[in-house]
Amino acid sequence: MLLGGRRDPNGDYDGLEKAGSYWSGTEQDTQIAKRYGFNTYRRIAGVGGHEDKSFGLSCRCIREIDHFSYWDLP
């Protein structure tokens, strides 16, 4: 899995190849949207949480669920 990190509102990148945050299609409002995350720090996948849209996240097509969950990664 290629983890693309994220871009902050100042244009700086962090987490390349160590973490990935991905937009979902669910908005909280015009400034905030739901996100999904994967990381190698704790070897988990997190589903849920929200991020300000001024951050640059990757886009992936994944199934929406209604609650926050974690899965262990191999």
N, C-alpha and C. Protein backbone atom coordinates (compact mmCIF):
# COMPACT_ATOMS: atom_id res chain seq x y z
N MET A 1 0.85 -1.17 0.00
CA MET A 1 0.00 0.00 0.00
C MET A 1 0.90 1.24 0.00
N LEU A 2 0.61 2.14 -0.89
CA LEU A 2 1.36 3.40 -0.95
C LEU A 2 0.68 4.42 -0.05
N LEU A 3 1.40 4.89 0.95
CA LEU A 3 0.87 5.87 1.89
C LEU A 3 1.38 7.24 1.52
N GLY A 4 0.45 8.13 1.17
CA GLY A 4 0.82 9.42 0.61
C GLY A 4 0.96 10.57 1.57
N GLY A 5 0.85 10.30 2.89
CA GLY A 5 0.97 11.40 3.85
C GLY A 5 -0.14 12.41 3.66
N ARG A 6 0.17 13.67 3.96
CA ARG A 6 -0.79 14.74 3.74
C ARG A 6 -0.04 16.07 3.57
N ARG A 7 -0.76 17.03 3.00
CA ARG A 7 -0.21 18.37 2.84
C ARG A 7 -0.95 19.29 3.80
N ASP A 8 -0.19 20.09 4.56
CA ASP A 8 -0.84 21.02 5.48
C ASP A 8 -1.22 22.30 4.74
N PRO A 9 -1.99 23.19 5.36
CA PRO A 9 -2.44 24.41 4.68
C PRO A 9 -1.30 25.32 4.21
N ASN A 10 -0.09 25.16 4.76
CA ASN A 10 1.05 25.96 4.33
C ASN A 10 1.78 25.35 3.14
N GLY A 11 1.35 24.16 2.69
CA GLY A 11 1.98 23.50 1.56
C GLY A 11 3.06 22.53 1.93
N ASP A 12 3.30 22.30 3.22
CA ASP A 12 4.31 21.35 3.67
C ASP A 12 3.71 19.94 3.73
N TYR A 13 4.53 18.94 3.41
CA TYR A 13 4.10 17.55 3.42
C TYR A 13 4.70 16.83 4.63
N ASP A 14 3.93 15.88 5.18
CA ASP A 14 4.47 15.03 6.22
C ASP A 14 3.82 13.65 6.11
N GLY A 15 4.49 12.66 6.65
CA GLY A 15 3.97 11.30 6.69
C GLY A 15 4.11 10.50 5.42
N LEU A 16 4.86 11.00 4.42
CA LEU A 16 5.01 10.24 3.19
C LEU A 16 5.58 8.86 3.47
N GLU A 17 4.93 7.83 2.94
CA GLU A 17 5.29 6.43 3.10
C GLU A 17 5.15 5.90 4.52
N LYS A 18 4.68 6.72 5.45
CA LYS A 18 4.48 6.29 6.83
C LYS A 18 3.01 6.36 7.25
N ALA A 19 2.26 7.25 6.64
CA ALA A 19 0.84 7.41 6.97
C ALA A 19 0.11 7.90 5.73
N GLY A 20 -1.17 7.63 5.71
CA GLY A 20 -1.99 8.12 4.62
C GLY A 20 -3.35 8.53 5.15
N SER A 21 -3.80 9.67 4.75
CA SER A 21 -5.14 10.14 5.09
C SER A 21 -5.90 10.32 3.79
N TYR A 22 -7.13 9.86 3.77
CA TYR A 22 -7.92 9.82 2.56
C TYR A 22 -9.29 10.43 2.81
N TRP A 23 -9.73 11.29 1.89
CA TRP A 23 -11.05 11.88 2.01
C TRP A 23 -12.13 10.84 1.77
N SER A 24 -13.22 10.97 2.49
CA SER A 24 -14.42 10.20 2.16
C SER A 24 -15.36 11.13 1.40
N GLY A 25 -16.51 10.65 1.05
CA GLY A 25 -17.50 11.49 0.39
C GLY A 25 -18.45 12.16 1.36
N THR A 26 -18.17 12.05 2.66
CA THR A 26 -19.08 12.58 3.67
C THR A 26 -18.56 13.89 4.23
N GLU A 27 -19.35 14.95 4.07
CA GLU A 27 -18.98 16.25 4.63
C GLU A 27 -19.68 16.47 5.97
N GLN A 28 -18.98 17.12 6.88
CA GLN A 28 -19.61 17.58 8.11
C GLN A 28 -20.26 18.95 7.85
N ASP A 29 -19.53 19.79 7.12
CA ASP A 29 -20.02 21.10 6.69
C ASP A 29 -19.14 21.55 5.54
N THR A 30 -19.18 22.82 5.16
CA THR A 30 -18.40 23.28 4.01
C THR A 30 -16.90 23.31 4.28
N GLN A 31 -16.48 23.26 5.53
CA GLN A 31 -15.05 23.33 5.87
C GLN A 31 -14.45 22.01 6.33
N ILE A 32 -15.28 21.05 6.74
CA ILE A 32 -14.81 19.81 7.36
C ILE A 32 -15.40 18.61 6.63
N ALA A 33 -14.57 17.57 6.41
CA ALA A 33 -15.06 16.33 5.80
C ALA A 33 -14.51 15.13 6.56
N LYS A 34 -15.21 14.02 6.43
CA LYS A 34 -14.77 12.77 7.06
C LYS A 34 -13.55 12.24 6.34
N ARG A 35 -12.66 11.60 7.09
CA ARG A 35 -11.44 11.03 6.51
C ARG A 35 -11.20 9.63 7.04
N TYR A 36 -10.33 8.92 6.33
CA TYR A 36 -9.87 7.60 6.72
C TYR A 36 -8.37 7.66 6.82
N GLY A 37 -7.78 6.84 7.66
CA GLY A 37 -6.33 6.88 7.79
C GLY A 37 -5.71 5.51 7.96
N PHE A 38 -4.51 5.37 7.45
CA PHE A 38 -3.70 4.17 7.59
C PHE A 38 -2.31 4.64 8.01
N ASN A 39 -1.65 3.88 8.88
CA ASN A 39 -0.29 4.28 9.22
C ASN A 39 0.58 3.10 9.58
N THR A 40 1.87 3.28 9.47
CA THR A 40 2.83 2.24 9.82
C THR A 40 3.35 2.42 11.24
N TYR A 41 3.01 3.53 11.90
CA TYR A 41 3.48 3.78 13.25
C TYR A 41 2.93 2.73 14.21
N ARG A 42 1.60 2.55 14.18
CA ARG A 42 0.96 1.59 15.06
C ARG A 42 0.39 0.41 14.28
N ARG A 43 0.65 0.35 12.98
CA ARG A 43 0.20 -0.72 12.11
C ARG A 43 -1.31 -0.91 12.20
N ILE A 44 -2.04 0.18 12.07
CA ILE A 44 -3.49 0.11 12.12
C ILE A 44 -4.11 0.90 10.97
N ALA A 45 -5.36 0.59 10.72
CA ALA A 45 -6.17 1.36 9.78
C ALA A 45 -7.32 1.96 10.57
N GLY A 46 -7.46 3.25 10.52
CA GLY A 46 -8.55 3.90 11.23
C GLY A 46 -9.59 4.41 10.27
N VAL A 47 -10.82 4.17 10.60
CA VAL A 47 -11.92 4.64 9.77
C VAL A 47 -12.69 5.64 10.59
N GLY A 48 -12.77 6.84 10.11
CA GLY A 48 -13.50 7.86 10.83
C GLY A 48 -12.64 9.07 11.10
N GLY A 49 -13.15 9.97 11.87
CA GLY A 49 -12.45 11.21 12.13
C GLY A 49 -12.80 12.23 11.07
N HIS A 50 -12.45 13.46 11.33
CA HIS A 50 -12.74 14.56 10.42
C HIS A 50 -11.50 15.42 10.25
N GLU A 51 -11.41 16.09 9.13
CA GLU A 51 -10.25 16.92 8.81
C GLU A 51 -10.74 18.20 8.15
N ASP A 52 -10.04 19.28 8.44
CA ASP A 52 -10.31 20.55 7.77
C ASP A 52 -9.93 20.41 6.30
N LYS A 53 -10.77 20.91 5.42
CA LYS A 53 -10.54 20.78 3.99
C LYS A 53 -9.35 21.58 3.48
N SER A 54 -8.76 22.41 4.32
CA SER A 54 -7.57 23.14 3.89
C SER A 54 -6.35 22.22 3.84
N PHE A 55 -6.44 21.01 4.41
CA PHE A 55 -5.37 20.01 4.30
C PHE A 55 -5.52 19.27 2.99
N GLY A 56 -4.42 18.85 2.43
CA GLY A 56 -4.44 18.06 1.20
C GLY A 56 -4.33 16.59 1.53
N LEU A 57 -5.38 15.84 1.28
CA LEU A 57 -5.40 14.40 1.51
C LEU A 57 -5.60 13.69 0.18
N SER A 58 -5.25 12.42 0.16
CA SER A 58 -5.47 11.61 -1.04
C SER A 58 -6.93 11.23 -1.15
N CYS A 59 -7.31 10.74 -2.31
CA CYS A 59 -8.68 10.24 -2.54
C CYS A 59 -8.59 8.76 -2.87
N ARG A 60 -9.45 7.98 -2.28
CA ARG A 60 -9.55 6.55 -2.55
C ARG A 60 -11.02 6.18 -2.55
N CYS A 61 -11.38 5.20 -3.35
CA CYS A 61 -12.75 4.70 -3.35
C CYS A 61 -12.84 3.53 -2.38
N ILE A 62 -13.51 3.76 -1.26
CA ILE A 62 -13.71 2.72 -0.27
C ILE A 62 -15.14 2.80 0.23
N ARG A 63 -15.59 1.74 0.85
CA ARG A 63 -16.97 1.69 1.33
C ARG A 63 -17.13 2.51 2.61
N GLU A 64 -18.20 3.29 2.69
CA GLU A 64 -18.54 4.07 3.89
C GLU A 64 -19.12 3.16 4.96
N ILE A 65 -18.80 3.43 6.22
CA ILE A 65 -19.47 2.77 7.34
C ILE A 65 -19.90 3.85 8.32
N ASP A 66 -20.76 3.51 9.25
CA ASP A 66 -21.35 4.50 10.14
C ASP A 66 -20.67 4.64 11.49
N HIS A 67 -19.54 4.00 11.72
CA HIS A 67 -18.90 4.09 13.02
C HIS A 67 -17.39 4.07 12.87
N PHE A 68 -16.69 4.42 13.93
CA PHE A 68 -15.23 4.46 13.94
C PHE A 68 -14.70 3.08 14.27
N SER A 69 -13.78 2.56 13.47
CA SER A 69 -13.25 1.21 13.67
C SER A 69 -11.75 1.19 13.41
N TYR A 70 -11.10 0.18 13.95
CA TYR A 70 -9.69 -0.07 13.67
C TYR A 70 -9.51 -1.51 13.25
N TRP A 71 -8.56 -1.75 12.34
CA TRP A 71 -8.20 -3.11 11.97
C TRP A 71 -6.69 -3.24 12.10
N ASP A 72 -6.22 -4.41 12.51
CA ASP A 72 -4.79 -4.68 12.53
C ASP A 72 -4.31 -4.92 11.11
N LEU A 73 -3.20 -4.33 10.75
CA LEU A 73 -2.61 -4.55 9.45
C LEU A 73 -1.54 -5.63 9.56
N PRO A 74 -1.31 -6.38 8.48
CA PRO A 74 -0.29 -7.44 8.53
C PRO A 74 1.11 -6.87 8.69
